[in-house]
Amino acid sequence: LFLTAGQNTETLFPPALFDIGEFLSRYS
């Protein structure tokens, strides 16, 4: 169950990485 749930998580919710400086300036 945990293996299946883990694989689903990566598929359903792809990761995202942001430079916090750019992120805050874009959404300021």
PDB file of all heavy atoms in Angstrom:
ATOM      1  N   LEU A   1       0.825  -1.199   0.000  1.00  0.00           N
ATOM      2  CA  LEU A   1       0.000   0.000   0.000  1.00  0.00           C
ATOM      3  C   LEU A   1       0.865   1.257   0.000  1.00  0.00           C
ATOM      4  O   LEU A   1       0.603   2.201  -0.751  1.00  0.00           O
ATOM      5  CB  LEU A   1      -0.925   0.001   1.220  1.00  0.00           C
ATOM      6  CG  LEU A   1      -2.075  -1.005   1.227  1.00  0.00           C
ATOM      7  CD1 LEU A   1      -2.816  -0.949   2.558  1.00  0.00           C
ATOM      8  CD2 LEU A   1      -3.036  -0.741   0.078  1.00  0.00           C
ATOM      9  N   PHE A   2       1.904   1.264   0.827  1.00  0.00           N
ATOM     10  CA  PHE A   2       2.782   2.432   0.891  1.00  0.00           C
ATOM     11  C   PHE A   2       3.584   2.579  -0.404  1.00  0.00           C
ATOM     12  O   PHE A   2       3.832   3.694  -0.855  1.00  0.00           O
ATOM     13  CB  PHE A   2       3.703   2.342   2.104  1.00  0.00           C
ATOM     14  CG  PHE A   2       3.090   2.895   3.352  1.00  0.00           C
ATOM     15  CD1 PHE A   2       2.393   2.071   4.222  1.00  0.00           C
ATOM     16  CD2 PHE A   2       3.174   4.249   3.641  1.00  0.00           C
ATOM     17  CE1 PHE A   2       1.804   2.587   5.366  1.00  0.00           C
ATOM     18  CE2 PHE A   2       2.593   4.776   4.782  1.00  0.00           C
ATOM     19  CZ  PHE A   2       1.902   3.941   5.657  1.00  0.00           C
ATOM     20  N   LEU A   3       3.981   1.467  -1.000  1.00  0.00           N
ATOM     21  CA  LEU A   3       4.705   1.527  -2.260  1.00  0.00           C
ATOM     22  C   LEU A   3       3.821   2.112  -3.356  1.00  0.00           C
ATOM     23  O   LEU A   3       4.240   3.006  -4.110  1.00  0.00           O
ATOM     24  CB  LEU A   3       5.186   0.128  -2.654  1.00  0.00           C
ATOM     25  CG  LEU A   3       5.936   0.025  -3.986  1.00  0.00           C
ATOM     26  CD1 LEU A   3       7.215   0.850  -3.940  1.00  0.00           C
ATOM     27  CD2 LEU A   3       6.267  -1.446  -4.305  1.00  0.00           C
ATOM     28  N   THR A   4       2.581   1.627  -3.441  1.00  0.00           N
ATOM     29  CA  THR A   4       1.642   2.136  -4.446  1.00  0.00           C
ATOM     30  C   THR A   4       1.331   3.603  -4.217  1.00  0.00           C
ATOM     31  O   THR A   4       1.323   4.407  -5.156  1.00  0.00           O
ATOM     32  CB  THR A   4       0.330   1.316  -4.415  1.00  0.00           C
ATOM     33  OG1 THR A   4       0.626  -0.057  -4.681  1.00  0.00           O
ATOM     34  CG2 THR A   4      -0.664   1.825  -5.443  1.00  0.00           C
ATOM     35  N   ALA A   5       1.081   3.959  -2.964  1.00  0.00           N
ATOM     36  CA  ALA A   5       0.762   5.350  -2.635  1.00  0.00           C
ATOM     37  C   ALA A   5       1.936   6.269  -2.976  1.00  0.00           C
ATOM     38  O   ALA A   5       1.747   7.381  -3.480  1.00  0.00           O
ATOM     39  CB  ALA A   5       0.388   5.477  -1.165  1.00  0.00           C
ATOM     40  N   GLY A   6       3.161   5.808  -2.713  1.00  0.00           N
ATOM     41  CA  GLY A   6       4.338   6.616  -3.021  1.00  0.00           C
ATOM     42  C   GLY A   6       4.502   6.847  -4.510  1.00  0.00           C
ATOM     43  O   GLY A   6       4.804   7.967  -4.954  1.00  0.00           O
ATOM     44  N   GLN A   7       4.294   5.814  -5.303  1.00  0.00           N
ATOM     45  CA  GLN A   7       4.390   5.952  -6.763  1.00  0.00           C
ATOM     46  C   GLN A   7       3.305   6.893  -7.290  1.00  0.00           C
ATOM     47  O   GLN A   7       3.564   7.731  -8.163  1.00  0.00           O
ATOM     48  CB  GLN A   7       4.267   4.574  -7.405  1.00  0.00           C
ATOM     49  CG  GLN A   7       5.449   3.659  -7.103  1.00  0.00           C
ATOM     50  CD  GLN A   7       5.217   2.221  -7.542  1.00  0.00           C
ATOM     51  OE1 GLN A   7       4.069   1.798  -7.753  1.00  0.00           O
ATOM     52  NE2 GLN A   7       6.291   1.456  -7.674  1.00  0.00           N
ATOM     53  N   ASN A   8       2.090   6.755  -6.733  1.00  0.00           N
ATOM     54  CA  ASN A   8       1.001   7.643  -7.151  1.00  0.00           C
ATOM     55  C   ASN A   8       1.308   9.098  -6.822  1.00  0.00           C
ATOM     56  O   ASN A   8       1.000  10.008  -7.609  1.00  0.00           O
ATOM     57  CB  ASN A   8      -0.302   7.242  -6.453  1.00  0.00           C
ATOM     58  CG  ASN A   8      -0.893   5.956  -6.989  1.00  0.00           C
ATOM     59  OD1 ASN A   8      -0.495   5.473  -8.039  1.00  0.00           O
ATOM     60  ND2 ASN A   8      -1.832   5.389  -6.257  1.00  0.00           N
ATOM     61  N   THR A   9       1.901   9.324  -5.652  1.00  0.00           N
ATOM     62  CA  THR A   9       2.176  10.694  -5.213  1.00  0.00           C
ATOM     63  C   THR A   9       3.100  11.401  -6.190  1.00  0.00           C
ATOM     64  O   THR A   9       2.879  12.562  -6.554  1.00  0.00           O
ATOM     65  CB  THR A   9       2.810  10.691  -3.811  1.00  0.00           C
ATOM     66  OG1 THR A   9       2.006   9.906  -2.925  1.00  0.00           O
ATOM     67  CG2 THR A   9       2.911  12.110  -3.256  1.00  0.00           C
ATOM     68  N   GLU A  10       4.128  10.707  -6.628  1.00  0.00           N
ATOM     69  CA  GLU A  10       5.078  11.308  -7.561  1.00  0.00           C
ATOM     70  C   GLU A  10       4.431  11.591  -8.923  1.00  0.00           C
ATOM     71  O   GLU A  10       4.794  12.549  -9.599  1.00  0.00           O
ATOM     72  CB  GLU A  10       6.289  10.396  -7.730  1.00  0.00           C
ATOM     73  CG  GLU A  10       7.083  10.224  -6.442  1.00  0.00           C
ATOM     74  CD  GLU A  10       8.367   9.441  -6.636  1.00  0.00           C
ATOM     75  OE1 GLU A  10       8.955   9.538  -7.730  1.00  0.00           O
ATOM     76  OE2 GLU A  10       8.782   8.739  -5.701  1.00  0.00           O
ATOM     77  N   THR A  11       3.464  10.754  -9.308  1.00  0.00           N
ATOM     78  CA  THR A  11       2.778  10.935 -10.587  1.00  0.00           C
ATOM     79  C   THR A  11       1.713  12.027 -10.504  1.00  0.00           C
ATOM     80  O   THR A  11       1.616  12.899 -11.386  1.00  0.00           O
ATOM     81  CB  THR A  11       2.120   9.616 -11.029  1.00  0.00           C
ATOM     82  OG1 THR A  11       3.116   8.602 -11.153  1.00  0.00           O
ATOM     83  CG2 THR A  11       1.406   9.785 -12.359  1.00  0.00           C
ATOM     84  N   LEU A  12       0.912  11.984  -9.438  1.00  0.00           N
ATOM     85  CA  LEU A  12      -0.188  12.936  -9.288  1.00  0.00           C
ATOM     86  C   LEU A  12       0.296  14.339  -8.940  1.00  0.00           C
ATOM     87  O   LEU A  12      -0.306  15.330  -9.346  1.00  0.00           O
ATOM     88  CB  LEU A  12      -1.149  12.456  -8.193  1.00  0.00           C
ATOM     89  CG  LEU A  12      -1.917  11.166  -8.454  1.00  0.00           C
ATOM     90  CD1 LEU A  12      -2.620  10.696  -7.181  1.00  0.00           C
ATOM     91  CD2 LEU A  12      -2.940  11.376  -9.564  1.00  0.00           C
ATOM     92  N   PHE A  13       1.386  14.402  -8.168  1.00  0.00           N
ATOM     93  CA  PHE A  13       1.864  15.685  -7.656  1.00  0.00           C
ATOM     94  C   PHE A  13       3.353  15.857  -7.966  1.00  0.00           C
ATOM     95  O   PHE A  13       4.206  15.716  -7.085  1.00  0.00           O
ATOM     96  CB  PHE A  13       1.625  15.775  -6.151  1.00  0.00           C
ATOM     97  CG  PHE A  13       0.210  15.444  -5.750  1.00  0.00           C
ATOM     98  CD1 PHE A  13      -0.075  14.272  -5.065  1.00  0.00           C
ATOM     99  CD2 PHE A  13      -0.827  16.296  -6.081  1.00  0.00           C
ATOM    100  CE1 PHE A  13      -1.371  13.964  -4.701  1.00  0.00           C
ATOM    101  CE2 PHE A  13      -2.131  16.000  -5.717  1.00  0.00           C
ATOM    102  CZ  PHE A  13      -2.411  14.830  -5.025  1.00  0.00           C
ATOM    103  N   PRO A  14       3.697  16.159  -9.228  1.00  0.00           N
ATOM    104  CA  PRO A  14       5.103  16.334  -9.607  1.00  0.00           C
ATOM    105  C   PRO A  14       5.771  17.411  -8.750  1.00  0.00           C
ATOM    106  O   PRO A  14       5.133  18.389  -8.358  1.00  0.00           O
ATOM    107  CB  PRO A  14       5.015  16.771 -11.077  1.00  0.00           C
ATOM    108  CG  PRO A  14       3.682  16.293 -11.546  1.00  0.00           C
ATOM    109  CD  PRO A  14       2.777  16.379 -10.363  1.00  0.00           C
ATOM    110  N   PRO A  15       7.073  17.243  -8.460  1.00  0.00           N
ATOM    111  CA  PRO A  15       7.767  18.194  -7.594  1.00  0.00           C
ATOM    112  C   PRO A  15       8.010  19.532  -8.277  1.00  0.00           C
ATOM    113  O   PRO A  15       8.027  19.640  -9.506  1.00  0.00           O
ATOM    114  CB  PRO A  15       9.086  17.485  -7.297  1.00  0.00           C
ATOM    115  CG  PRO A  15       9.326  16.630  -8.501  1.00  0.00           C
ATOM    116  CD  PRO A  15       7.959  16.155  -8.921  1.00  0.00           C
ATOM    117  N   ALA A  16       8.211  20.544  -7.452  1.00  0.00           N
ATOM    118  CA  ALA A  16       8.522  21.883  -7.955  1.00  0.00           C
ATOM    119  C   ALA A  16       9.549  22.516  -7.026  1.00  0.00           C
ATOM    120  O   ALA A  16       9.489  22.353  -5.810  1.00  0.00           O
ATOM    121  CB  ALA A  16       7.262  22.750  -8.022  1.00  0.00           C
ATOM    122  N   LEU A  17      10.512  23.230  -7.623  1.00  0.00           N
ATOM    123  CA  LEU A  17      11.558  23.901  -6.861  1.00  0.00           C
ATOM    124  C   LEU A  17      11.649  25.347  -7.334  1.00  0.00           C
ATOM    125  O   LEU A  17      11.703  25.616  -8.532  1.00  0.00           O
ATOM    126  CB  LEU A  17      12.906  23.212  -7.066  1.00  0.00           C
ATOM    127  CG  LEU A  17      14.076  23.766  -6.257  1.00  0.00           C
ATOM    128  CD1 LEU A  17      13.951  23.368  -4.789  1.00  0.00           C
ATOM    129  CD2 LEU A  17      15.406  23.262  -6.826  1.00  0.00           C
ATOM    130  N   PHE A  18      11.658  26.281  -6.379  1.00  0.00           N
ATOM    131  CA  PHE A  18      11.717  27.700  -6.712  1.00  0.00           C
ATOM    132  C   PHE A  18      12.809  28.385  -5.901  1.00  0.00           C
ATOM    133  O   PHE A  18      12.997  28.082  -4.719  1.00  0.00           O
ATOM    134  CB  PHE A  18      10.384  28.394  -6.407  1.00  0.00           C
ATOM    135  CG  PHE A  18       9.195  27.775  -7.094  1.00  0.00           C
ATOM    136  CD1 PHE A  18       8.352  26.916  -6.412  1.00  0.00           C
ATOM    137  CD2 PHE A  18       8.925  28.051  -8.429  1.00  0.00           C
ATOM    138  CE1 PHE A  18       7.253  26.344  -7.036  1.00  0.00           C
ATOM    139  CE2 PHE A  18       7.832  27.489  -9.072  1.00  0.00           C
ATOM    140  CZ  PHE A  18       6.998  26.626  -8.373  1.00  0.00           C
ATOM    141  N   ASP A  19      13.506  29.290  -6.537  1.00  0.00           N
ATOM    142  CA  ASP A  19      14.388  30.197  -5.822  1.00  0.00           C
ATOM    143  C   ASP A  19      13.483  31.165  -5.059  1.00  0.00           C
ATOM    144  O   ASP A  19      12.653  31.854  -5.657  1.00  0.00           O
ATOM    145  CB  ASP A  19      15.267  30.960  -6.822  1.00  0.00           C
ATOM    146  CG  ASP A  19      16.231  31.914  -6.155  1.00  0.00           C
ATOM    147  OD1 ASP A  19      15.780  32.725  -5.319  1.00  0.00           O
ATOM    148  OD2 ASP A  19      17.432  31.878  -6.483  1.00  0.00           O
ATOM    149  N   ILE A  20      13.607  31.206  -3.744  1.00  0.00           N
ATOM    150  CA  ILE A  20      12.643  31.965  -2.943  1.00  0.00           C
ATOM    151  C   ILE A  20      12.706  33.465  -3.263  1.00  0.00           C
ATOM    152  O   ILE A  20      11.692  34.158  -3.194  1.00  0.00           O
ATOM    153  CB  ILE A  20      12.853  31.714  -1.436  1.00  0.00           C
ATOM    154  CG1 ILE A  20      11.626  32.183  -0.655  1.00  0.00           C
ATOM    155  CG2 ILE A  20      14.118  32.370  -0.922  1.00  0.00           C
ATOM    156  CD1 ILE A  20      11.608  31.743   0.787  1.00  0.00           C
ATOM    157  N   GLY A  21      13.888  33.962  -3.634  1.00  0.00           N
ATOM    158  CA  GLY A  21      13.992  35.369  -4.006  1.00  0.00           C
ATOM    159  C   GLY A  21      13.159  35.695  -5.217  1.00  0.00           C
ATOM    160  O   GLY A  21      12.404  36.676  -5.239  1.00  0.00           O
ATOM    161  N   GLU A  22      13.274  34.853  -6.251  1.00  0.00           N
ATOM    162  CA  GLU A  22      12.480  35.067  -7.467  1.00  0.00           C
ATOM    163  C   GLU A  22      11.001  34.864  -7.169  1.00  0.00           C
ATOM    164  O   GLU A  22      10.147  35.625  -7.624  1.00  0.00           O
ATOM    165  CB  GLU A  22      12.923  34.104  -8.572  1.00  0.00           C
ATOM    166  CG  GLU A  22      12.159  34.330  -9.867  1.00  0.00           C
ATOM    167  CD  GLU A  22      12.233  33.157 -10.828  1.00  0.00           C
ATOM    168  OE1 GLU A  22      12.852  32.139 -10.478  1.00  0.00           O
ATOM    169  OE2 GLU A  22      11.665  33.275 -11.913  1.00  0.00           O
ATOM    170  N   PHE A  23      10.709  33.842  -6.378  1.00  0.00           N
ATOM    171  CA  PHE A  23       9.317  33.525  -6.064  1.00  0.00           C
ATOM    172  C   PHE A  23       8.624  34.714  -5.396  1.00  0.00           C
ATOM    173  O   PHE A  23       7.531  35.119  -5.788  1.00  0.00           O
ATOM    174  CB  PHE A  23       9.262  32.308  -5.146  1.00  0.00           C
ATOM    175  CG  PHE A  23       7.880  31.809  -4.860  1.00  0.00           C
ATOM    176  CD1 PHE A  23       7.275  30.867  -5.679  1.00  0.00           C
ATOM    177  CD2 PHE A  23       7.174  32.268  -3.753  1.00  0.00           C
ATOM    178  CE1 PHE A  23       5.996  30.407  -5.411  1.00  0.00           C
ATOM    179  CE2 PHE A  23       5.900  31.824  -3.477  1.00  0.00           C
ATOM    180  CZ  PHE A  23       5.308  30.885  -4.306  1.00  0.00           C
ATOM    181  N   LEU A  24       9.277  35.296  -4.396  1.00  0.00           N
ATOM    182  CA  LEU A  24       8.676  36.410  -3.670  1.00  0.00           C
ATOM    183  C   LEU A  24       8.558  37.657  -4.547  1.00  0.00           C
ATOM    184  O   LEU A  24       7.587  38.404  -4.444  1.00  0.00           O
ATOM    185  CB  LEU A  24       9.491  36.717  -2.411  1.00  0.00           C
ATOM    186  CG  LEU A  24       9.458  35.631  -1.330  1.00  0.00           C
ATOM    187  CD1 LEU A  24      10.362  36.006  -0.178  1.00  0.00           C
ATOM    188  CD2 LEU A  24       8.033  35.395  -0.836  1.00  0.00           C
ATOM    189  N   SER A  25       9.541  37.871  -5.412  1.00  0.00           N
ATOM    190  CA  SER A  25       9.472  39.052  -6.277  1.00  0.00           C
ATOM    191  C   SER A  25       8.344  38.930  -7.292  1.00  0.00           C
ATOM    192  O   SER A  25       7.680  39.905  -7.633  1.00  0.00           O
ATOM    193  CB  SER A  25      10.806  39.261  -7.001  1.00  0.00           C
ATOM    194  OG  SER A  25      11.051  38.208  -7.929  1.00  0.00           O
ATOM    195  N   ARG A  26       8.108  37.704  -7.765  1.00  0.00           N
ATOM    196  CA  ARG A  26       7.042  37.500  -8.757  1.00  0.00           C
ATOM    197  C   ARG A  26       5.659  37.674  -8.140  1.00  0.00           C
ATOM    198  O   ARG A  26       4.721  38.087  -8.796  1.00  0.00           O
ATOM    199  CB  ARG A  26       7.150  36.096  -9.358  1.00  0.00           C
ATOM    200  CG  ARG A  26       8.422  35.832 -10.129  1.00  0.00           C
ATOM    201  CD  ARG A  26       8.394  36.491 -11.493  1.00  0.00           C
ATOM    202  NE  ARG A  26       9.600  36.189 -12.251  1.00  0.00           N
ATOM    203  CZ  ARG A  26       9.618  35.867 -13.528  1.00  0.00           C
ATOM    204  NH1 ARG A  26       8.490  35.811 -14.201  1.00  0.00           N
ATOM    205  NH2 ARG A  26      10.750  35.630 -14.145  1.00  0.00           N
ATOM    206  N   TYR A  27       5.550  37.281  -6.852  1.00  0.00           N
ATOM    207  CA  TYR A  27       4.243  37.316  -6.201  1.00  0.00           C
ATOM    208  C   TYR A  27       4.098  38.473  -5.229  1.00  0.00           C
ATOM    209  O   TYR A  27       3.143  38.532  -4.469  1.00  0.00           O
ATOM    210  CB  TYR A  27       3.989  35.991  -5.469  1.00  0.00           C
ATOM    211  CG  TYR A  27       3.783  34.847  -6.416  1.00  0.00           C
ATOM    212  CD1 TYR A  27       4.856  34.072  -6.847  1.00  0.00           C
ATOM    213  CD2 TYR A  27       2.522  34.545  -6.907  1.00  0.00           C
ATOM    214  CE1 TYR A  27       4.673  33.030  -7.742  1.00  0.00           C
ATOM    215  CE2 TYR A  27       2.323  33.499  -7.796  1.00  0.00           C
ATOM    216  CZ  TYR A  27       3.405  32.746  -8.202  1.00  0.00           C
ATOM    217  OH  TYR A  27       3.226  31.719  -9.079  1.00  0.00           O
ATOM    218  N   SER A  28       5.026  39.384  -5.259  1.00  0.00           N
ATOM    219  CA  SER A  28       4.986  40.536  -4.347  1.00  0.00           C
ATOM    220  C   SER A  28       3.791  41.426  -4.648  1.00  0.00           C
ATOM    221  O   SER A  28       3.434  41.641  -5.797  1.00  0.00           O
ATOM    222  CB  SER A  28       6.272  41.352  -4.481  1.00  0.00           C
ATOM    223  OG  SER A  28       6.132  42.595  -3.827  1.00  0.00           O
TER     224      SER A  28
END
